[in-house]
């Protein structure tokens, strides 16, 4: 199944689209006189061009390339009559779809879907720097049949340090239906965010978002041709103080799902999230160890039955403690 890249930036990932393992047999190379006097690493690189030089150098360093049965150094010299055995090793991304035992906070599960309350600190799916220990790895352990579903059923994501509700499609049919619901903007996604300052009572931020022109790890409100539509509705719930500075608890409802959407939109209004190290103010960082953001409510039509279903979770303990410090009571679920 192809997922429209314009549907939801939260789907962006850097791991293979389909499940797969690493399976490579040792490669035996017989050197000859034309290789005499050359450096071993250059000879091997020329004979196995399917692997990068940096990867081969790592295998030399780790003893996975043998010359006449013994580990060799890449800087050594070839004599032209050696037998070289290259024992390929998996790169981290080659095993991104490995099942890993993990404690998952499952709020709801049936044959079609699974709703998870993701803790802060958990990466949703493999990518650069996080090829294991992700929610995807835990999903594959809990539900092995997800290996045959693209992205292990994931249809949207939360940032690593955002807590809260996510839905996973356990079958291809369920995943396809959930993707269509997201495209139609009928999935209800409500977040609680604690921001610096006091925004007005309510409003809608309808501002396109694209990659920041100077900082590639950030997103930004933009009118550039490639910027994608982004709409966030917000409502001021309560106000308080941290270090005698005003803070506000706001409820945000997403129509679209752009990367960092709430963080970018609220910062654009001048109300950065407490604890946000990317979009917040550095001198205000010590008050919280992550962005104060939680996906608190999720509503959708069940892919198999069409029944409308909703889930609400309490704030994560650290978020609840932060509100208490600010003198704000957690609103009751309605």
C-alpha atoms as a PDB file:
ATOM      1  CA  UNK A   1       0.000   0.000   0.000  1.00  0.00           C
ATOM      2  CA  UNK A   2       1.290   3.431  -0.874  1.00  0.00           C
ATOM      3  CA  UNK A   3       0.776   6.161   1.693  1.00  0.00           C
ATOM      4  CA  UNK A   4       0.326   9.627   0.263  1.00  0.00           C
ATOM      5  CA  UNK A   5       3.307  11.641   1.429  1.00  0.00           C
ATOM      6  CA  UNK A   6       1.130  14.750   1.428  1.00  0.00           C
ATOM      7  CA  UNK A   7      -1.354  13.140   3.794  1.00  0.00           C
ATOM      8  CA  UNK A   8       0.430  13.473   7.080  1.00  0.00           C
ATOM      9  CA  UNK A   9       4.018  14.526   7.673  1.00  0.00           C
ATOM     10  CA  UNK A  10       3.959  12.505  10.874  1.00  0.00           C
ATOM     11  CA  UNK A  11       4.395   9.456   8.627  1.00  0.00           C
ATOM     12  CA  UNK A  12       7.843  10.567   7.427  1.00  0.00           C
ATOM     13  CA  UNK A  13      10.434   7.928   8.255  1.00  0.00           C
ATOM     14  CA  UNK A  14      13.882   6.704   7.308  1.00  0.00           C
ATOM     15  CA  UNK A  15      13.424   2.964   7.391  1.00  0.00           C
ATOM     16  CA  UNK A  16      12.530   0.398   4.714  1.00  0.00           C
ATOM     17  CA  UNK A  17       8.923   0.467   3.551  1.00  0.00           C
ATOM     18  CA  UNK A  18       8.625  -3.294   3.828  1.00  0.00           C
ATOM     19  CA  UNK A  19       9.759  -5.724   6.473  1.00  0.00           C
ATOM     20  CA  UNK A  20      12.881  -7.721   5.819  1.00  0.00           C
ATOM     21  CA  UNK A  21      15.843  -9.271   7.486  1.00  0.00           C
ATOM     22  CA  UNK A  22      19.573  -9.380   6.759  1.00  0.00           C
ATOM     23  CA  UNK A  23      20.821 -12.450   4.932  1.00  0.00           C
ATOM     24  CA  UNK A  24      24.266 -12.313   3.309  1.00  0.00           C
ATOM     25  CA  UNK A  25      26.678 -15.176   2.821  1.00  0.00           C
ATOM     26  CA  UNK A  26      30.461 -14.784   3.231  1.00  0.00           C
ATOM     27  CA  UNK A  27      32.182 -13.636   0.043  1.00  0.00           C
ATOM     28  CA  UNK A  28      35.420 -15.370  -0.971  1.00  0.00           C
ATOM     29  CA  UNK A  29      37.900 -13.460  -3.123  1.00  0.00           C
ATOM     30  CA  UNK A  30      41.043 -14.887  -4.696  1.00  0.00           C
ATOM     31  CA  UNK A  31      43.677 -12.212  -5.305  1.00  0.00           C
ATOM     32  CA  UNK A  32      46.100 -12.418  -8.215  1.00  0.00           C
ATOM     33  CA  UNK A  33      49.268 -10.730  -9.416  1.00  0.00           C
ATOM     34  CA  UNK A  34      47.472  -7.618 -10.649  1.00  0.00           C
ATOM     35  CA  UNK A  35      46.631  -6.832  -7.018  1.00  0.00           C
ATOM     36  CA  UNK A  36      50.240  -7.121  -5.851  1.00  0.00           C
ATOM     37  CA  UNK A  37      51.520  -4.026  -4.056  1.00  0.00           C
ATOM     38  CA  UNK A  38      48.102  -2.406  -3.621  1.00  0.00           C
ATOM     39  CA  UNK A  39      46.479  -1.641  -0.287  1.00  0.00           C
ATOM     40  CA  UNK A  40      44.119  -4.373   0.818  1.00  0.00           C
ATOM     41  CA  UNK A  41      41.207  -2.049   1.508  1.00  0.00           C
ATOM     42  CA  UNK A  42      41.361  -0.602  -2.024  1.00  0.00           C
ATOM     43  CA  UNK A  43      41.568  -4.068  -3.559  1.00  0.00           C
ATOM     44  CA  UNK A  44      38.596  -5.343  -1.584  1.00  0.00           C
ATOM     45  CA  UNK A  45      36.580  -2.204  -2.312  1.00  0.00           C
ATOM     46  CA  UNK A  46      37.111  -2.749  -6.014  1.00  0.00           C
ATOM     47  CA  UNK A  47      36.059  -6.400  -5.855  1.00  0.00           C
ATOM     48  CA  UNK A  48      32.891  -5.878  -3.781  1.00  0.00           C
ATOM     49  CA  UNK A  49      31.542  -2.506  -4.984  1.00  0.00           C
ATOM     50  CA  UNK A  50      28.091  -3.278  -3.529  1.00  0.00           C
ATOM     51  CA  UNK A  51      29.431  -2.204  -0.122  1.00  0.00           C
ATOM     52  CA  UNK A  52      30.650   1.300   0.721  1.00  0.00           C
ATOM     53  CA  UNK A  53      34.300   1.866   1.612  1.00  0.00           C
ATOM     54  CA  UNK A  54      33.366   3.122   5.054  1.00  0.00           C
ATOM     55  CA  UNK A  55      31.382  -0.038   5.706  1.00  0.00           C
ATOM     56  CA  UNK A  56      34.257  -2.241   4.519  1.00  0.00           C
ATOM     57  CA  UNK A  57      36.693  -0.304   6.688  1.00  0.00           C
ATOM     58  CA  UNK A  58      34.478  -0.946   9.697  1.00  0.00           C
ATOM     59  CA  UNK A  59      34.489  -4.671   8.902  1.00  0.00           C
ATOM     60  CA  UNK A  60      38.286  -4.601   8.628  1.00  0.00           C
ATOM     61  CA  UNK A  61      38.503  -2.900  12.022  1.00  0.00           C
ATOM     62  CA  UNK A  62      36.095  -5.382  13.611  1.00  0.00           C
ATOM     63  CA  UNK A  63      37.808  -8.471  12.189  1.00  0.00           C
ATOM     64  CA  UNK A  64      35.111  -9.446   9.696  1.00  0.00           C
ATOM     65  CA  UNK A  65      37.493  -9.511   6.721  1.00  0.00           C
ATOM     66  CA  UNK A  66      39.944 -12.409   6.775  1.00  0.00           C
ATOM     67  CA  UNK A  67      43.102 -12.860   4.734  1.00  0.00           C
ATOM     68  CA  UNK A  68      44.249 -16.489   4.539  1.00  0.00           C
ATOM     69  CA  UNK A  69      42.014 -17.242   7.506  1.00  0.00           C
ATOM     70  CA  UNK A  70      43.191 -14.421   9.791  1.00  0.00           C
ATOM     71  CA  UNK A  71      41.747 -10.958  10.485  1.00  0.00           C
ATOM     72  CA  UNK A  72      43.566  -8.332   8.469  1.00  0.00           C
ATOM     73  CA  UNK A  73      44.029  -4.589   8.486  1.00  0.00           C
ATOM     74  CA  UNK A  74      42.836  -2.561   5.549  1.00  0.00           C
ATOM     75  CA  UNK A  75      46.108  -0.626   5.401  1.00  0.00           C
ATOM     76  CA  UNK A  76      48.040  -3.831   4.764  1.00  0.00           C
ATOM     77  CA  UNK A  77      49.584  -4.611   1.403  1.00  0.00           C
ATOM     78  CA  UNK A  78      48.314  -7.276  -0.967  1.00  0.00           C
ATOM     79  CA  UNK A  79      50.854  -9.767  -2.363  1.00  0.00           C
ATOM     80  CA  UNK A  80      48.604 -11.152  -5.049  1.00  0.00           C
ATOM     81  CA  UNK A  81      48.056 -14.738  -3.983  1.00  0.00           C
ATOM     82  CA  UNK A  82      45.868 -14.370  -0.893  1.00  0.00           C
ATOM     83  CA  UNK A  83      42.397 -15.686  -0.236  1.00  0.00           C
ATOM     84  CA  UNK A  84      40.202 -12.966   1.241  1.00  0.00           C
ATOM     85  CA  UNK A  85      36.905 -13.750   2.931  1.00  0.00           C
ATOM     86  CA  UNK A  86      34.464 -10.894   3.539  1.00  0.00           C
ATOM     87  CA  UNK A  87      31.827 -11.715   6.147  1.00  0.00           C
ATOM     88  CA  UNK A  88      29.095  -9.079   5.640  1.00  0.00           C
ATOM     89  CA  UNK A  89      27.567  -7.634   8.801  1.00  0.00           C
ATOM     90  CA  UNK A  90      24.156  -6.004   9.027  1.00  0.00           C
ATOM     91  CA  UNK A  91      23.949  -2.262   9.275  1.00  0.00           C
ATOM     92  CA  UNK A  92      21.522  -0.984  11.912  1.00  0.00           C
ATOM     93  CA  UNK A  93      18.907  -0.152   9.287  1.00  0.00           C
ATOM     94  CA  UNK A  94      19.066  -3.712   7.919  1.00  0.00           C
ATOM     95  CA  UNK A  95      17.456  -5.014  11.096  1.00  0.00           C
ATOM     96  CA  UNK A  96      15.049  -2.159  11.740  1.00  0.00           C
ATOM     97  CA  UNK A  97      12.120  -4.579  11.600  1.00  0.00           C
ATOM     98  CA  UNK A  98      13.332  -6.727  14.492  1.00  0.00           C
ATOM     99  CA  UNK A  99      10.752  -7.651  17.130  1.00  0.00           C
ATOM    100  CA  UNK A 100      11.763  -6.493  20.619  1.00  0.00           C
ATOM    101  CA  UNK A 101      10.014  -7.226  23.906  1.00  0.00           C
ATOM    102  CA  UNK A 102       8.572  -4.019  25.321  1.00  0.00           C
ATOM    103  CA  UNK A 103       5.973  -2.982  27.874  1.00  0.00           C
ATOM    104  CA  UNK A 104       3.244  -1.336  25.830  1.00  0.00           C
ATOM    105  CA  UNK A 105       0.471   0.641  27.492  1.00  0.00           C
ATOM    106  CA  UNK A 106      -2.388  -0.700  25.379  1.00  0.00           C
ATOM    107  CA  UNK A 107      -5.607   1.245  25.936  1.00  0.00           C
ATOM    108  CA  UNK A 108      -7.707  -0.774  23.485  1.00  0.00           C
ATOM    109  CA  UNK A 109      -7.164  -3.727  21.168  1.00  0.00           C
ATOM    110  CA  UNK A 110      -9.235  -5.953  18.910  1.00  0.00           C
ATOM    111  CA  UNK A 111      -8.606  -7.848  15.684  1.00  0.00           C
ATOM    112  CA  UNK A 112      -8.404  -4.669  13.603  1.00  0.00           C
ATOM    113  CA  UNK A 113      -6.817  -1.901  15.645  1.00  0.00           C
ATOM    114  CA  UNK A 114      -4.696  -1.176  18.664  1.00  0.00           C
ATOM    115  CA  UNK A 115      -4.707   2.098  20.614  1.00  0.00           C
ATOM    116  CA  UNK A 116      -1.556   2.818  22.604  1.00  0.00           C
ATOM    117  CA  UNK A 117      -0.736   5.406  25.237  1.00  0.00           C
ATOM    118  CA  UNK A 118       2.848   6.198  24.239  1.00  0.00           C
ATOM    119  CA  UNK A 119       5.187   7.391  26.993  1.00  0.00           C
ATOM    120  CA  UNK A 120       7.524  10.326  26.487  1.00  0.00           C
ATOM    121  CA  UNK A 121      10.993   9.197  25.486  1.00  0.00           C
ATOM    122  CA  UNK A 122       9.847   6.415  23.143  1.00  0.00           C
ATOM    123  CA  UNK A 123      10.643   6.853  19.438  1.00  0.00           C
ATOM    124  CA  UNK A 124       7.766   5.694  17.230  1.00  0.00           C
ATOM    125  CA  UNK A 125       9.644   4.090  14.363  1.00  0.00           C
ATOM    126  CA  UNK A 126      13.234   3.431  13.266  1.00  0.00           C
ATOM    127  CA  UNK A 127      15.242   6.215  11.727  1.00  0.00           C
ATOM    128  CA  UNK A 128      18.693   7.715  11.760  1.00  0.00           C
ATOM    129  CA  UNK A 129      20.167   7.270  15.236  1.00  0.00           C
ATOM    130  CA  UNK A 130      17.233   5.150  16.426  1.00  0.00           C
ATOM    131  CA  UNK A 131      17.315   1.837  14.571  1.00  0.00           C
ATOM    132  CA  UNK A 132      16.080  -0.207  17.525  1.00  0.00           C
ATOM    133  CA  UNK A 133      14.099   0.173  20.737  1.00  0.00           C
ATOM    134  CA  UNK A 134      11.245   1.923  18.950  1.00  0.00           C
ATOM    135  CA  UNK A 135       7.509   1.480  19.256  1.00  0.00           C
ATOM    136  CA  UNK A 136       7.560  -0.321  15.914  1.00  0.00           C
ATOM    137  CA  UNK A 137       9.936  -2.935  17.335  1.00  0.00           C
ATOM    138  CA  UNK A 138       7.636  -3.423  20.323  1.00  0.00           C
ATOM    139  CA  UNK A 139       4.585  -3.733  18.083  1.00  0.00           C
ATOM    140  CA  UNK A 140       6.220  -6.515  16.088  1.00  0.00           C
ATOM    141  CA  UNK A 141       6.899  -8.456  19.285  1.00  0.00           C
ATOM    142  CA  UNK A 142       3.377  -7.975  20.625  1.00  0.00           C
ATOM    143  CA  UNK A 143       1.675  -8.650  17.289  1.00  0.00           C
ATOM    144  CA  UNK A 144       4.010 -10.608  14.933  1.00  0.00           C
ATOM    145  CA  UNK A 145       1.561 -10.507  12.003  1.00  0.00           C
ATOM    146  CA  UNK A 146       2.266  -6.782  11.711  1.00  0.00           C
ATOM    147  CA  UNK A 147       5.448  -7.723   9.857  1.00  0.00           C
ATOM    148  CA  UNK A 148       3.243  -8.044   6.756  1.00  0.00           C
ATOM    149  CA  UNK A 149       1.619  -4.603   7.187  1.00  0.00           C
ATOM    150  CA  UNK A 150       3.506  -1.522   5.908  1.00  0.00           C
ATOM    151  CA  UNK A 151       5.124   0.423   8.740  1.00  0.00           C
ATOM    152  CA  UNK A 152       3.859  -2.294  11.103  1.00  0.00           C
ATOM    153  CA  UNK A 153       0.418  -0.663  10.989  1.00  0.00           C
ATOM    154  CA  UNK A 154       1.551   2.803  12.072  1.00  0.00           C
ATOM    155  CA  UNK A 155      -0.495   5.562  10.422  1.00  0.00           C
ATOM    156  CA  UNK A 156       0.583   8.628  12.414  1.00  0.00           C
ATOM    157  CA  UNK A 157       3.253   9.358  14.946  1.00  0.00           C
ATOM    158  CA  UNK A 158       4.080  11.386  18.004  1.00  0.00           C
ATOM    159  CA  UNK A 159       7.431  13.057  18.584  1.00  0.00           C
ATOM    160  CA  UNK A 160       9.782  11.144  20.848  1.00  0.00           C
ATOM    161  CA  UNK A 161       9.130  13.438  23.815  1.00  0.00           C
ATOM    162  CA  UNK A 162       5.387  13.786  23.304  1.00  0.00           C
ATOM    163  CA  UNK A 163       3.192  11.418  25.280  1.00  0.00           C
ATOM    164  CA  UNK A 164      -0.285  10.158  24.533  1.00  0.00           C
ATOM    165  CA  UNK A 165      -2.623   8.259  22.244  1.00  0.00           C
ATOM    166  CA  UNK A 166      -1.810   6.610  18.928  1.00  0.00           C
ATOM    167  CA  UNK A 167      -3.792   4.167  16.807  1.00  0.00           C
ATOM    168  CA  UNK A 168      -2.271   1.264  14.860  1.00  0.00           C
ATOM    169  CA  UNK A 169      -3.967  -0.726  12.097  1.00  0.00           C
ATOM    170  CA  UNK A 170      -3.413  -4.456  12.694  1.00  0.00           C
ATOM    171  CA  UNK A 171      -4.437  -5.463   9.171  1.00  0.00           C
ATOM    172  CA  UNK A 172      -3.800  -3.948   5.771  1.00  0.00           C
ATOM    173  CA  UNK A 173      -7.505  -3.215   5.432  1.00  0.00           C
ATOM    174  CA  UNK A 174      -7.665  -1.455   8.782  1.00  0.00           C
ATOM    175  CA  UNK A 175      -4.540   0.550   8.095  1.00  0.00           C
ATOM    176  CA  UNK A 176      -5.850   1.618   4.692  1.00  0.00           C
ATOM    177  CA  UNK A 177      -9.133   2.774   6.231  1.00  0.00           C
ATOM    178  CA  UNK A 178      -7.352   4.734   8.974  1.00  0.00           C
ATOM    179  CA  UNK A 179      -5.146   6.438   6.394  1.00  0.00           C
ATOM    180  CA  UNK A 180      -8.260   7.454   4.477  1.00  0.00           C
ATOM    181  CA  UNK A 181      -9.840   8.845   7.631  1.00  0.00           C
ATOM    182  CA  UNK A 182      -6.724  10.919   8.279  1.00  0.00           C
ATOM    183  CA  UNK A 183      -6.807  12.169   4.694  1.00  0.00           C
ATOM    184  CA  UNK A 184     -10.456  13.152   5.143  1.00  0.00           C
ATOM    185  CA  UNK A 185      -9.563  14.913   8.430  1.00  0.00           C
ATOM    186  CA  UNK A 186     -12.229  12.991  10.321  1.00  0.00           C
ATOM    187  CA  UNK A 187      -9.895  11.563  12.980  1.00  0.00           C
ATOM    188  CA  UNK A 188     -10.267  13.561  16.195  1.00  0.00           C
ATOM    189  CA  UNK A 189      -6.904  14.357  17.762  1.00  0.00           C
ATOM    190  CA  UNK A 190      -6.843  16.619  20.802  1.00  0.00           C
ATOM    191  CA  UNK A 191      -3.739  17.602  22.722  1.00  0.00           C
ATOM    192  CA  UNK A 192      -2.974  19.393  25.963  1.00  0.00           C
ATOM    193  CA  UNK A 193      -0.024  21.791  25.834  1.00  0.00           C
ATOM    194  CA  UNK A 194       1.448  24.063  28.488  1.00  0.00           C
ATOM    195  CA  UNK A 195       2.765  27.237  26.895  1.00  0.00           C
ATOM    196  CA  UNK A 196       4.603  30.321  28.078  1.00  0.00           C
ATOM    197  CA  UNK A 197       2.395  33.393  28.160  1.00  0.00           C
ATOM    198  CA  UNK A 198      -1.349  33.866  27.869  1.00  0.00           C
ATOM    199  CA  UNK A 199      -2.929  33.473  24.436  1.00  0.00           C
ATOM    200  CA  UNK A 200      -6.436  34.675  23.771  1.00  0.00           C
ATOM    201  CA  UNK A 201      -9.356  32.426  24.713  1.00  0.00           C
ATOM    202  CA  UNK A 202      -9.492  30.506  21.460  1.00  0.00           C
ATOM    203  CA  UNK A 203      -8.422  30.669  17.852  1.00  0.00           C
ATOM    204  CA  UNK A 204      -7.467  28.839  14.684  1.00  0.00           C
ATOM    205  CA  UNK A 205      -3.974  28.848  13.253  1.00  0.00           C
ATOM    206  CA  UNK A 206      -4.175  28.279   9.501  1.00  0.00           C
ATOM    207  CA  UNK A 207      -0.545  28.630   8.465  1.00  0.00           C
ATOM    208  CA  UNK A 208       1.377  26.361   6.068  1.00  0.00           C
ATOM    209  CA  UNK A 209       4.483  24.599   7.381  1.00  0.00           C
ATOM    210  CA  UNK A 210       7.679  23.552   5.650  1.00  0.00           C
ATOM    211  CA  UNK A 211      11.251  22.686   6.565  1.00  0.00           C
ATOM    212  CA  UNK A 212      13.099  25.599   8.184  1.00  0.00           C
ATOM    213  CA  UNK A 213      15.240  27.310   5.524  1.00  0.00           C
ATOM    214  CA  UNK A 214      18.358  27.466   7.719  1.00  0.00           C
ATOM    215  CA  UNK A 215      17.969  24.726  10.333  1.00  0.00           C
ATOM    216  CA  UNK A 216      17.147  21.297   8.898  1.00  0.00           C
ATOM    217  CA  UNK A 217      16.012  19.825  12.216  1.00  0.00           C
ATOM    218  CA  UNK A 218      13.288  22.440  12.547  1.00  0.00           C
ATOM    219  CA  UNK A 219      10.028  23.205  10.787  1.00  0.00           C
ATOM    220  CA  UNK A 220       8.627  26.695  10.289  1.00  0.00           C
ATOM    221  CA  UNK A 221       5.538  28.580   9.170  1.00  0.00           C
ATOM    222  CA  UNK A 222       6.186  29.399   5.550  1.00  0.00           C
ATOM    223  CA  UNK A 223       4.629  30.719   2.350  1.00  0.00           C
ATOM    224  CA  UNK A 224       7.118  28.812   0.230  1.00  0.00           C
ATOM    225  CA  UNK A 225       5.657  26.897  -2.746  1.00  0.00           C
ATOM    226  CA  UNK A 226       6.408  23.529  -1.113  1.00  0.00           C
ATOM    227  CA  UNK A 227       4.904  24.454   2.257  1.00  0.00           C
ATOM    228  CA  UNK A 228       1.999  22.185   3.206  1.00  0.00           C
ATOM    229  CA  UNK A 229      -1.349  23.318   4.648  1.00  0.00           C
ATOM    230  CA  UNK A 230      -1.502  23.106   8.441  1.00  0.00           C
ATOM    231  CA  UNK A 231      -4.491  23.923  10.638  1.00  0.00           C
ATOM    232  CA  UNK A 232      -4.586  23.903  14.438  1.00  0.00           C
ATOM    233  CA  UNK A 233      -7.574  24.933  16.572  1.00  0.00           C
ATOM    234  CA  UNK A 234      -6.748  25.930  20.141  1.00  0.00           C
ATOM    235  CA  UNK A 235      -8.633  26.859  23.285  1.00  0.00           C
ATOM    236  CA  UNK A 236      -7.290  28.420  26.479  1.00  0.00           C
ATOM    237  CA  UNK A 237      -8.258  26.246  29.455  1.00  0.00           C
ATOM    238  CA  UNK A 238      -6.439  27.637  32.512  1.00  0.00           C
ATOM    239  CA  UNK A 239      -3.552  29.907  33.478  1.00  0.00           C
ATOM    240  CA  UNK A 240      -0.852  29.664  36.098  1.00  0.00           C
ATOM    241  CA  UNK A 241       2.745  30.615  36.853  1.00  0.00           C
ATOM    242  CA  UNK A 242       6.195  29.057  36.754  1.00  0.00           C
ATOM    243  CA  UNK A 243       8.964  31.100  38.353  1.00  0.00           C
ATOM    244  CA  UNK A 244       6.538  34.041  38.419  1.00  0.00           C
ATOM    245  CA  UNK A 245       6.149  33.830  34.659  1.00  0.00           C
ATOM    246  CA  UNK A 246       2.663  33.282  33.200  1.00  0.00           C
ATOM    247  CA  UNK A 247       1.894  29.931  31.643  1.00  0.00           C
ATOM    248  CA  UNK A 248      -1.279  28.621  30.053  1.00  0.00           C
ATOM    249  CA  UNK A 249      -2.808  25.215  29.551  1.00  0.00           C
ATOM    250  CA  UNK A 250      -4.261  25.072  26.063  1.00  0.00           C
ATOM    251  CA  UNK A 251      -6.199  22.376  24.257  1.00  0.00           C
ATOM    252  CA  UNK A 252      -5.199  21.942  20.623  1.00  0.00           C
ATOM    253  CA  UNK A 253      -7.162  20.071  17.970  1.00  0.00           C
ATOM    254  CA  UNK A 254      -5.431  19.066  14.767  1.00  0.00           C
ATOM    255  CA  UNK A 255      -6.998  19.095  11.334  1.00  0.00           C
ATOM    256  CA  UNK A 256      -3.704  18.241   9.672  1.00  0.00           C
ATOM    257  CA  UNK A 257      -0.684  16.360  10.981  1.00  0.00           C
ATOM    258  CA  UNK A 258       2.457  18.182   9.957  1.00  0.00           C
ATOM    259  CA  UNK A 259       5.748  17.484  11.653  1.00  0.00           C
ATOM    260  CA  UNK A 260       5.949  19.453  14.939  1.00  0.00           C
ATOM    261  CA  UNK A 261       2.700  21.191  13.989  1.00  0.00           C
ATOM    262  CA  UNK A 262       1.492  22.273  17.441  1.00  0.00           C
ATOM    263  CA  UNK A 263       4.983  23.260  18.555  1.00  0.00           C
ATOM    264  CA  UNK A 264       5.545  25.353  15.419  1.00  0.00           C
ATOM    265  CA  UNK A 265       2.093  26.958  15.398  1.00  0.00           C
ATOM    266  CA  UNK A 266       2.106  27.950  19.061  1.00  0.00           C
ATOM    267  CA  UNK A 267       5.645  29.306  18.799  1.00  0.00           C
ATOM    268  CA  UNK A 268       4.571  31.254  15.709  1.00  0.00           C
ATOM    269  CA  UNK A 269       1.891  32.939  17.824  1.00  0.00           C
ATOM    270  CA  UNK A 270       4.524  33.777  20.424  1.00  0.00           C
ATOM    271  CA  UNK A 271       3.595  31.074  22.948  1.00  0.00           C
ATOM    272  CA  UNK A 272       6.300  28.401  22.844  1.00  0.00           C
ATOM    273  CA  UNK A 273       5.693  25.166  24.729  1.00  0.00           C
ATOM    274  CA  UNK A 274       7.252  24.804  28.163  1.00  0.00           C
ATOM    275  CA  UNK A 275      10.295  22.534  27.922  1.00  0.00           C
ATOM    276  CA  UNK A 276      10.615  22.709  24.130  1.00  0.00           C
ATOM    277  CA  UNK A 277      14.353  22.682  23.429  1.00  0.00           C
ATOM    278  CA  UNK A 278      13.906  23.154  19.679  1.00  0.00           C
ATOM    279  CA  UNK A 279      11.345  25.956  19.457  1.00  0.00           C
ATOM    280  CA  UNK A 280      11.428  27.400  22.982  1.00  0.00           C
ATOM    281  CA  UNK A 281      13.665  29.940  24.671  1.00  0.00           C
ATOM    282  CA  UNK A 282      16.915  28.442  26.052  1.00  0.00           C
ATOM    283  CA  UNK A 283      16.820  30.350  29.351  1.00  0.00           C
ATOM    284  CA  UNK A 284      13.403  28.815  30.134  1.00  0.00           C
ATOM    285  CA  UNK A 285      14.423  25.190  29.506  1.00  0.00           C
ATOM    286  CA  UNK A 286      15.158  24.045  33.114  1.00  0.00           C
ATOM    287  CA  UNK A 287      11.469  24.012  34.038  1.00  0.00           C
ATOM    288  CA  UNK A 288      10.682  20.763  32.255  1.00  0.00           C
ATOM    289  CA  UNK A 289      12.745  18.015  30.659  1.00  0.00           C
ATOM    290  CA  UNK A 290      10.630  17.714  27.486  1.00  0.00           C
ATOM    291  CA  UNK A 291       8.019  19.661  25.554  1.00  0.00           C
ATOM    292  CA  UNK A 292       4.839  19.827  27.656  1.00  0.00           C
ATOM    293  CA  UNK A 293       2.598  18.171  25.104  1.00  0.00           C
ATOM    294  CA  UNK A 294       0.284  15.171  25.293  1.00  0.00           C
ATOM    295  CA  UNK A 295      -2.136  13.584  22.832  1.00  0.00           C
ATOM    296  CA  UNK A 296      -5.001  13.278  25.303  1.00  0.00           C
ATOM    297  CA  UNK A 297      -8.026  12.366  23.169  1.00  0.00           C
ATOM    298  CA  UNK A 298      -8.381  10.240  20.036  1.00  0.00           C
ATOM    299  CA  UNK A 299     -11.607   9.627  18.132  1.00  0.00           C
ATOM    300  CA  UNK A 300     -12.237   7.683  14.927  1.00  0.00           C
ATOM    301  CA  UNK A 301     -14.579   5.359  13.071  1.00  0.00           C
ATOM    302  CA  UNK A 302     -13.725   1.721  13.659  1.00  0.00           C
ATOM    303  CA  UNK A 303     -12.351   0.392  10.335  1.00  0.00           C
ATOM    304  CA  UNK A 304     -14.332  -2.858  10.523  1.00  0.00           C
ATOM    305  CA  UNK A 305     -17.632  -1.811  12.113  1.00  0.00           C
ATOM    306  CA  UNK A 306     -17.908   1.900  11.314  1.00  0.00           C
ATOM    307  CA  UNK A 307     -18.686   2.571  14.993  1.00  0.00           C
ATOM    308  CA  UNK A 308     -17.434   5.898  16.340  1.00  0.00           C
ATOM    309  CA  UNK A 309     -14.967   5.287  19.156  1.00  0.00           C
ATOM    310  CA  UNK A 310     -13.097   7.686  21.447  1.00  0.00           C
ATOM    311  CA  UNK A 311     -10.413   7.307  24.067  1.00  0.00           C
ATOM    312  CA  UNK A 312      -9.139   9.776  26.663  1.00  0.00           C
ATOM    313  CA  UNK A 313      -6.111   9.259  28.912  1.00  0.00           C
ATOM    314  CA  UNK A 314      -5.010  11.165  32.005  1.00  0.00           C
ATOM    315  CA  UNK A 315      -1.964  13.344  31.726  1.00  0.00           C
ATOM    316  CA  UNK A 316       1.387  11.617  32.141  1.00  0.00           C
ATOM    317  CA  UNK A 317       2.712  11.842  35.688  1.00  0.00           C
ATOM    318  CA  UNK A 318       5.455  14.323  34.836  1.00  0.00           C
ATOM    319  CA  UNK A 319       3.012  16.584  32.976  1.00  0.00           C
ATOM    320  CA  UNK A 320       0.513  16.426  35.860  1.00  0.00           C
ATOM    321  CA  UNK A 321       3.277  17.361  38.325  1.00  0.00           C
ATOM    322  CA  UNK A 322       4.242  20.298  36.102  1.00  0.00           C
ATOM    323  CA  UNK A 323       0.670  21.593  36.143  1.00  0.00           C
ATOM    324  CA  UNK A 324       0.605  21.288  39.918  1.00  0.00           C
ATOM    325  CA  UNK A 325       3.782  23.371  40.140  1.00  0.00           C
ATOM    326  CA  UNK A 326       2.112  25.967  37.938  1.00  0.00           C
ATOM    327  CA  UNK A 327      -1.007  26.014  40.146  1.00  0.00           C
ATOM    328  CA  UNK A 328      -3.223  24.530  37.442  1.00  0.00           C
ATOM    329  CA  UNK A 329      -5.675  21.711  38.040  1.00  0.00           C
ATOM    330  CA  UNK A 330      -5.924  19.041  35.371  1.00  0.00           C
ATOM    331  CA  UNK A 331      -9.335  19.416  33.694  1.00  0.00           C
ATOM    332  CA  UNK A 332     -11.656  16.463  33.928  1.00  0.00           C
ATOM    333  CA  UNK A 333     -12.326  14.475  30.800  1.00  0.00           C
ATOM    334  CA  UNK A 334     -15.648  15.366  29.193  1.00  0.00           C
END
